[in-house]
């Protein structure tokens, strides 16, 4: 959840007037934020893949065990 918070903060930082020269934000700062956003997006996608895989394992386990019920 903390990484999602950082991603949202980075998005808000680059989306608004924070990129205005009046705020003293350099292009290299913006490039670093973009790099971090891309890295966090990749990590979030990896985590999503892991959650989907765990769901598939749970479904397979439930199918193999009669009477096994899990509320997800």
PDB file of N, CA and C in Angstrom:
ATOM      1  N   UNK A   1       0.821  -1.191   0.000  1.00  0.00           N
ATOM      2  CA  UNK A   1       0.000   0.000   0.000  1.00  0.00           C
ATOM      3  C   UNK A   1       0.870   1.262   0.000  1.00  0.00           C
ATOM      4  N   UNK A   2       2.034   1.181   0.654  1.00  0.00           N
ATOM      5  CA  UNK A   2       2.890   2.354   0.710  1.00  0.00           C
ATOM      6  C   UNK A   2       3.386   2.725  -0.684  1.00  0.00           C
ATOM      7  N   UNK A   3       3.703   1.712  -1.494  1.00  0.00           N
ATOM      8  CA  UNK A   3       4.171   1.991  -2.856  1.00  0.00           C
ATOM      9  C   UNK A   3       3.066   2.625  -3.686  1.00  0.00           C
ATOM     10  N   UNK A   4       1.831   2.198  -3.471  1.00  0.00           N
ATOM     11  CA  UNK A   4       0.714   2.808  -4.198  1.00  0.00           C
ATOM     12  C   UNK A   4       0.583   4.272  -3.797  1.00  0.00           C
ATOM     13  N   UNK A   5       0.771   4.554  -2.518  1.00  0.00           N
ATOM     14  CA  UNK A   5       0.730   5.936  -2.053  1.00  0.00           C
ATOM     15  C   UNK A   5       1.801   6.788  -2.709  1.00  0.00           C
ATOM     16  N   UNK A   6       3.011   6.231  -2.823  1.00  0.00           N
ATOM     17  CA  UNK A   6       4.092   6.962  -3.491  1.00  0.00           C
ATOM     18  C   UNK A   6       3.772   7.181  -4.957  1.00  0.00           C
ATOM     19  N   UNK A   7       3.184   6.176  -5.589  1.00  0.00           N
ATOM     20  CA  UNK A   7       2.820   6.312  -6.998  1.00  0.00           C
ATOM     21  C   UNK A   7       1.788   7.414  -7.170  1.00  0.00           C
ATOM     22  N   UNK A   8       0.784   7.436  -6.308  1.00  0.00           N
ATOM     23  CA  UNK A   8      -0.225   8.490  -6.393  1.00  0.00           C
ATOM     24  C   UNK A   8       0.390   9.863  -6.141  1.00  0.00           C
ATOM     25  N   UNK A   9       1.284   9.939  -5.180  1.00  0.00           N
ATOM     26  CA  UNK A   9       1.951  11.216  -4.909  1.00  0.00           C
ATOM     27  C   UNK A   9       2.760  11.670  -6.117  1.00  0.00           C
ATOM     28  N   UNK A  10       3.440  10.729  -6.756  1.00  0.00           N
ATOM     29  CA  UNK A  10       4.226  11.077  -7.943  1.00  0.00           C
ATOM     30  C   UNK A  10       3.323  11.543  -9.075  1.00  0.00           C
ATOM     31  N   UNK A  11       2.187  10.881  -9.227  1.00  0.00           N
ATOM     32  CA  UNK A  11       1.255  11.288 -10.277  1.00  0.00           C
ATOM     33  C   UNK A  11       0.716  12.688 -10.015  1.00  0.00           C
ATOM     34  N   UNK A  12       0.340  12.959  -8.776  1.00  0.00           N
ATOM     35  CA  UNK A  12      -0.158  14.290  -8.435  1.00  0.00           C
ATOM     36  C   UNK A  12       0.931  15.345  -8.598  1.00  0.00           C
ATOM     37  N   UNK A  13       2.128  14.986  -8.258  1.00  0.00           N
ATOM     38  CA  UNK A  13       3.250  15.906  -8.362  1.00  0.00           C
ATOM     39  C   UNK A  13       3.473  16.340  -9.806  1.00  0.00           C
ATOM     40  N   UNK A  14       3.397  15.387 -10.728  1.00  0.00           N
ATOM     41  CA  UNK A  14       3.668  15.719 -12.127  1.00  0.00           C
ATOM     42  C   UNK A  14       2.440  16.232 -12.850  1.00  0.00           C
ATOM     43  N   UNK A  15       1.255  15.958 -12.335  1.00  0.00           N
ATOM     44  CA  UNK A  15       0.034  16.330 -13.048  1.00  0.00           C
ATOM     45  C   UNK A  15      -0.341  17.793 -12.862  1.00  0.00           C
ATOM     46  N   UNK A  16      -0.064  18.343 -11.705  1.00  0.00           N
ATOM     47  CA  UNK A  16      -0.531  19.695 -11.406  1.00  0.00           C
ATOM     48  C   UNK A  16       0.461  20.770 -11.788  1.00  0.00           C
ATOM     49  N   UNK A  17       0.356  21.858 -11.071  1.00  0.00           N
ATOM     50  CA  UNK A  17       1.220  23.002 -11.353  1.00  0.00           C
ATOM     51  C   UNK A  17       2.606  22.826 -10.758  1.00  0.00           C
ATOM     52  N   UNK A  18       2.859  21.697 -10.135  1.00  0.00           N
ATOM     53  CA  UNK A  18       4.178  21.469  -9.544  1.00  0.00           C
ATOM     54  C   UNK A  18       5.272  21.445 -10.601  1.00  0.00           C
ATOM     55  N   UNK A  19       4.914  21.189 -11.841  1.00  0.00           N
ATOM     56  CA  UNK A  19       5.917  21.167 -12.896  1.00  0.00           C
ATOM     57  C   UNK A  19       6.220  22.567 -13.418  1.00  0.00           C
ATOM     58  N   UNK A  20       5.562  23.549 -12.868  1.00  0.00           N
ATOM     59  CA  UNK A  20       5.783  24.937 -13.274  1.00  0.00           C
ATOM     60  C   UNK A  20       7.159  25.406 -12.815  1.00  0.00           C
ATOM     61  N   UNK A  21       7.849  26.190 -13.648  1.00  0.00           N
ATOM     62  CA  UNK A  21       9.149  26.716 -13.227  1.00  0.00           C
ATOM     63  C   UNK A  21       9.063  27.554 -11.950  1.00  0.00           C
ATOM     64  N   UNK A  22       7.893  28.094 -11.654  1.00  0.00           N
ATOM     65  CA  UNK A  22       7.726  28.902 -10.446  1.00  0.00           C
ATOM     66  C   UNK A  22       7.961  28.080  -9.184  1.00  0.00           C
ATOM     67  N   UNK A  23       7.814  26.777  -9.267  1.00  0.00           N
ATOM     68  CA  UNK A  23       8.011  25.912  -8.111  1.00  0.00           C
ATOM     69  C   UNK A  23       9.443  25.399  -8.022  1.00  0.00           C
ATOM     70  N   UNK A  24      10.295  25.763  -8.954  1.00  0.00           N
ATOM     71  CA  UNK A  24      11.694  25.373  -8.904  1.00  0.00           C
ATOM     72  C   UNK A  24      11.942  23.905  -9.155  1.00  0.00           C
ATOM     73  N   UNK A  25      11.121  23.262  -9.942  1.00  0.00           N
ATOM     74  CA  UNK A  25      11.284  21.849 -10.248  1.00  0.00           C
ATOM     75  C   UNK A  25      12.046  21.734 -11.563  1.00  0.00           C
ATOM     76  N   UNK A  26      13.163  21.050 -11.517  1.00  0.00           N
ATOM     77  CA  UNK A  26      13.979  20.914 -12.717  1.00  0.00           C
ATOM     78  C   UNK A  26      13.497  19.741 -13.565  1.00  0.00           C
ATOM     79  N   UNK A  27      13.923  19.728 -14.799  1.00  0.00           N
ATOM     80  CA  UNK A  27      13.565  18.632 -15.703  1.00  0.00           C
ATOM     81  C   UNK A  27      14.149  17.317 -15.204  1.00  0.00           C
ATOM     82  N   UNK A  28      15.336  17.362 -14.613  1.00  0.00           N
ATOM     83  CA  UNK A  28      15.929  16.125 -14.094  1.00  0.00           C
ATOM     84  C   UNK A  28      15.104  15.574 -12.933  1.00  0.00           C
ATOM     85  N   UNK A  29      14.512  16.468 -12.122  1.00  0.00           N
ATOM     86  CA  UNK A  29      13.618  16.012 -11.052  1.00  0.00           C
ATOM     87  C   UNK A  29      12.396  15.314 -11.642  1.00  0.00           C
ATOM     88  N   UNK A  30      11.833  15.913 -12.687  1.00  0.00           N
ATOM     89  CA  UNK A  30      10.662  15.316 -13.331  1.00  0.00           C
ATOM     90  C   UNK A  30      11.016  13.988 -13.985  1.00  0.00           C
ATOM     91  N   UNK A  31      12.201  13.913 -14.582  1.00  0.00           N
ATOM     92  CA  UNK A  31      12.646  12.658 -15.188  1.00  0.00           C
ATOM     93  C   UNK A  31      12.798  11.571 -14.132  1.00  0.00           C
ATOM     94  N   UNK A  32      13.317  11.931 -12.969  1.00  0.00           N
ATOM     95  CA  UNK A  32      13.469  10.971 -11.874  1.00  0.00           C
ATOM     96  C   UNK A  32      12.104  10.487 -11.389  1.00  0.00           C
ATOM     97  N   UNK A  33      11.153  11.385 -11.285  1.00  0.00           N
ATOM     98  CA  UNK A  33       9.798  10.999 -10.883  1.00  0.00           C
ATOM     99  C   UNK A  33       9.203  10.048 -11.917  1.00  0.00           C
ATOM    100  N   UNK A  34       9.394  10.342 -13.192  1.00  0.00           N
ATOM    101  CA  UNK A  34       8.890   9.454 -14.244  1.00  0.00           C
ATOM    102  C   UNK A  34       9.535   8.075 -14.156  1.00  0.00           C
ATOM    103  N   UNK A  35      10.843   8.032 -13.871  1.00  0.00           N
ATOM    104  CA  UNK A  35      11.541   6.754 -13.731  1.00  0.00           C
ATOM    105  C   UNK A  35      10.976   5.971 -12.548  1.00  0.00           C
ATOM    106  N   UNK A  36      10.754   6.664 -11.431  1.00  0.00           N
ATOM    107  CA  UNK A  36      10.207   5.997 -10.253  1.00  0.00           C
ATOM    108  C   UNK A  36       8.778   5.521 -10.500  1.00  0.00           C
ATOM    109  N   UNK A  37       7.999   6.316 -11.220  1.00  0.00           N
ATOM    110  CA  UNK A  37       6.623   5.904 -11.543  1.00  0.00           C
ATOM    111  C   UNK A  37       6.641   4.629 -12.369  1.00  0.00           C
ATOM    112  N   UNK A  38       7.523   4.568 -13.364  1.00  0.00           N
ATOM    113  CA  UNK A  38       7.606   3.377 -14.211  1.00  0.00           C
ATOM    114  C   UNK A  38       8.035   2.161 -13.396  1.00  0.00           C
ATOM    115  N   UNK A  39       8.992   2.354 -12.499  1.00  0.00           N
ATOM    116  CA  UNK A  39       9.455   1.258 -11.651  1.00  0.00           C
ATOM    117  C   UNK A  39       8.335   0.758 -10.738  1.00  0.00           C
ATOM    118  N   UNK A  40       7.606   1.682 -10.126  1.00  0.00           N
ATOM    119  CA  UNK A  40       6.510   1.294  -9.229  1.00  0.00           C
ATOM    120  C   UNK A  40       5.367   0.642  -9.993  1.00  0.00           C
ATOM    121  N   UNK A  41       5.098   1.115 -11.199  1.00  0.00           N
ATOM    122  CA  UNK A  41       4.045   0.504 -12.006  1.00  0.00           C
ATOM    123  C   UNK A  41       4.413  -0.937 -12.343  1.00  0.00           C
ATOM    124  N   UNK A  42       5.683  -1.180 -12.647  1.00  0.00           N
ATOM    125  CA  UNK A  42       6.132  -2.543 -12.936  1.00  0.00           C
ATOM    126  C   UNK A  42       6.007  -3.426 -11.696  1.00  0.00           C
ATOM    127  N   UNK A  43       6.377  -2.896 -10.532  1.00  0.00           N
ATOM    128  CA  UNK A  43       6.247  -3.658  -9.291  1.00  0.00           C
ATOM    129  C   UNK A  43       4.784  -3.949  -8.975  1.00  0.00           C
ATOM    130  N   UNK A  44       3.921  -2.982  -9.227  1.00  0.00           N
ATOM    131  CA  UNK A  44       2.494  -3.175  -8.993  1.00  0.00           C
ATOM    132  C   UNK A  44       1.941  -4.250  -9.924  1.00  0.00           C
ATOM    133  N   UNK A  45       2.381  -4.254 -11.171  1.00  0.00           N
ATOM    134  CA  UNK A  45       1.941  -5.278 -12.124  1.00  0.00           C
ATOM    135  C   UNK A  45       2.425  -6.654 -11.685  1.00  0.00           C
ATOM    136  N   UNK A  46       3.676  -6.744 -11.204  1.00  0.00           N
ATOM    137  CA  UNK A  46       4.198  -8.016 -10.700  1.00  0.00           C
ATOM    138  C   UNK A  46       3.370  -8.506  -9.516  1.00  0.00           C
ATOM    139  N   UNK A  47       3.030  -7.610  -8.612  1.00  0.00           N
ATOM    140  CA  UNK A  47       2.218  -7.986  -7.451  1.00  0.00           C
ATOM    141  C   UNK A  47       0.832  -8.443  -7.894  1.00  0.00           C
ATOM    142  N   UNK A  48       0.268  -7.787  -8.893  1.00  0.00           N
ATOM    143  CA  UNK A  48      -1.045  -8.185  -9.407  1.00  0.00           C
ATOM    144  C   UNK A  48      -0.984  -9.583 -10.003  1.00  0.00           C
ATOM    145  N   UNK A  49       0.107  -9.873 -10.716  1.00  0.00           N
ATOM    146  CA  UNK A  49       0.282 -11.209 -11.282  1.00  0.00           C
ATOM    147  C   UNK A  49       0.354 -12.259 -10.180  1.00  0.00           C
ATOM    148  N   UNK A  50       1.051 -11.936  -9.093  1.00  0.00           N
ATOM    149  CA  UNK A  50       1.164 -12.870  -7.975  1.00  0.00           C
ATOM    150  C   UNK A  50      -0.194 -13.112  -7.323  1.00  0.00           C
ATOM    151  N   UNK A  51      -1.001 -12.084  -7.189  1.00  0.00           N
ATOM    152  CA  UNK A  51      -2.333 -12.229  -6.602  1.00  0.00           C
ATOM    153  C   UNK A  51      -3.206 -13.091  -7.504  1.00  0.00           C
ATOM    154  N   UNK A  52      -3.136 -12.863  -8.815  1.00  0.00           N
ATOM    155  CA  UNK A  52      -3.915 -13.692  -9.743  1.00  0.00           C
ATOM    156  C   UNK A  52      -3.480 -15.154  -9.664  1.00  0.00           C
ATOM    157  N   UNK A  53      -2.175 -15.399  -9.568  1.00  0.00           N
ATOM    158  CA  UNK A  53      -1.666 -16.766  -9.467  1.00  0.00           C
ATOM    159  C   UNK A  53      -2.143 -17.420  -8.172  1.00  0.00           C
ATOM    160  N   UNK A  54      -2.128 -16.673  -7.079  1.00  0.00           N
ATOM    161  CA  UNK A  54      -2.609 -17.215  -5.804  1.00  0.00           C
ATOM    162  C   UNK A  54      -4.096 -17.542  -5.887  1.00  0.00           C
ATOM    163  N   UNK A  55      -4.860 -16.715  -6.570  1.00  0.00           N
ATOM    164  CA  UNK A  55      -6.283 -16.991  -6.764  1.00  0.00           C
ATOM    165  C   UNK A  55      -6.504 -18.261  -7.562  1.00  0.00           C
ATOM    166  N   UNK A  56      -5.665 -18.479  -8.571  1.00  0.00           N
ATOM    167  CA  UNK A  56      -5.779 -19.698  -9.375  1.00  0.00           C
ATOM    168  C   UNK A  56      -5.454 -20.926  -8.533  1.00  0.00           C
ATOM    169  N   UNK A  57      -4.443 -20.830  -7.682  1.00  0.00           N
ATOM    170  CA  UNK A  57      -4.092 -21.948  -6.797  1.00  0.00           C
ATOM    171  C   UNK A  57      -5.232 -22.219  -5.828  1.00  0.00           C
ATOM    172  N   UNK A  58      -5.825 -21.184  -5.281  1.00  0.00           N
ATOM    173  CA  UNK A  58      -6.952 -21.346  -4.367  1.00  0.00           C
ATOM    174  C   UNK A  58      -8.126 -22.016  -5.072  1.00  0.00           C
ATOM    175  N   UNK A  59      -8.428 -21.586  -6.285  1.00  0.00           N
ATOM    176  CA  UNK A  59      -9.533 -22.185  -7.034  1.00  0.00           C
ATOM    177  C   UNK A  59      -9.262 -23.656  -7.317  1.00  0.00           C
ATOM    178  N   UNK A  60      -8.017 -23.971  -7.669  1.00  0.00           N
ATOM    179  CA  UNK A  60      -7.663 -25.370  -7.937  1.00  0.00           C
ATOM    180  C   UNK A  60      -7.766 -26.204  -6.665  1.00  0.00           C
ATOM    181  N   UNK A  61      -7.333 -25.648  -5.556  1.00  0.00           N
ATOM    182  CA  UNK A  61      -7.408 -26.353  -4.273  1.00  0.00           C
ATOM    183  C   UNK A  61      -8.861 -26.607  -3.891  1.00  0.00           C
ATOM    184  N   UNK A  62      -9.705 -25.600  -4.060  1.00  0.00           N
ATOM    185  CA  UNK A  62     -11.120 -25.769  -3.744  1.00  0.00           C
ATOM    186  C   UNK A  62     -11.754 -26.830  -4.631  1.00  0.00           C
ATOM    187  N   UNK A  63     -11.351 -26.890  -5.885  1.00  0.00           N
ATOM    188  CA  UNK A  63     -11.911 -27.883  -6.800  1.00  0.00           C
ATOM    189  C   UNK A  63     -11.497 -29.297  -6.402  1.00  0.00           C
ATOM    190  N   UNK A  64     -10.309 -29.451  -5.847  1.00  0.00           N
ATOM    191  CA  UNK A  64      -9.802 -30.776  -5.485  1.00  0.00           C
ATOM    192  C   UNK A  64     -10.297 -31.254  -4.123  1.00  0.00           C
ATOM    193  N   UNK A  65     -10.661 -30.335  -3.261  1.00  0.00           N
ATOM    194  CA  UNK A  65     -11.084 -30.710  -1.918  1.00  0.00           C
ATOM    195  C   UNK A  65     -12.587 -30.530  -1.782  1.00  0.00           C
ATOM    196  N   UNK A  66     -13.326 -31.633  -1.788  1.00  0.00           N
ATOM    197  CA  UNK A  66     -14.776 -31.512  -1.637  1.00  0.00           C
ATOM    198  C   UNK A  66     -15.117 -30.858  -0.297  1.00  0.00           C
ATOM    199  N   UNK A  67     -16.005 -29.919  -0.356  1.00  0.00           N
ATOM    200  CA  UNK A  67     -16.450 -29.246   0.851  1.00  0.00           C
ATOM    201  C   UNK A  67     -15.569 -28.089   1.289  1.00  0.00           C
ATOM    202  N   UNK A  68     -14.472 -27.865   0.601  1.00  0.00           N
ATOM    203  CA  UNK A  68     -13.607 -26.734   0.966  1.00  0.00           C
ATOM    204  C   UNK A  68     -14.240 -25.450   0.467  1.00  0.00           C
ATOM    205  N   UNK A  69     -14.453 -24.533   1.377  1.00  0.00           N
ATOM    206  CA  UNK A  69     -15.067 -23.262   1.000  1.00  0.00           C
ATOM    207  C   UNK A  69     -14.280 -22.130   1.629  1.00  0.00           C
ATOM    208  N   UNK A  70     -13.982 -21.155   0.807  1.00  0.00           N
ATOM    209  CA  UNK A  70     -13.274 -19.965   1.282  1.00  0.00           C
ATOM    210  C   UNK A  70     -13.978 -18.761   0.706  1.00  0.00           C
ATOM    211  N   UNK A  71     -14.267 -17.821   1.575  1.00  0.00           N
ATOM    212  CA  UNK A  71     -14.801 -16.548   1.095  1.00  0.00           C
ATOM    213  C   UNK A  71     -13.623 -15.633   0.831  1.00  0.00           C
ATOM    214  N   UNK A  72     -13.503 -15.196  -0.396  1.00  0.00           N
ATOM    215  CA  UNK A  72     -12.385 -14.325  -0.765  1.00  0.00           C
ATOM    216  C   UNK A  72     -12.928 -12.969  -1.095  1.00  0.00           C
TER     217      UNK A  72
END
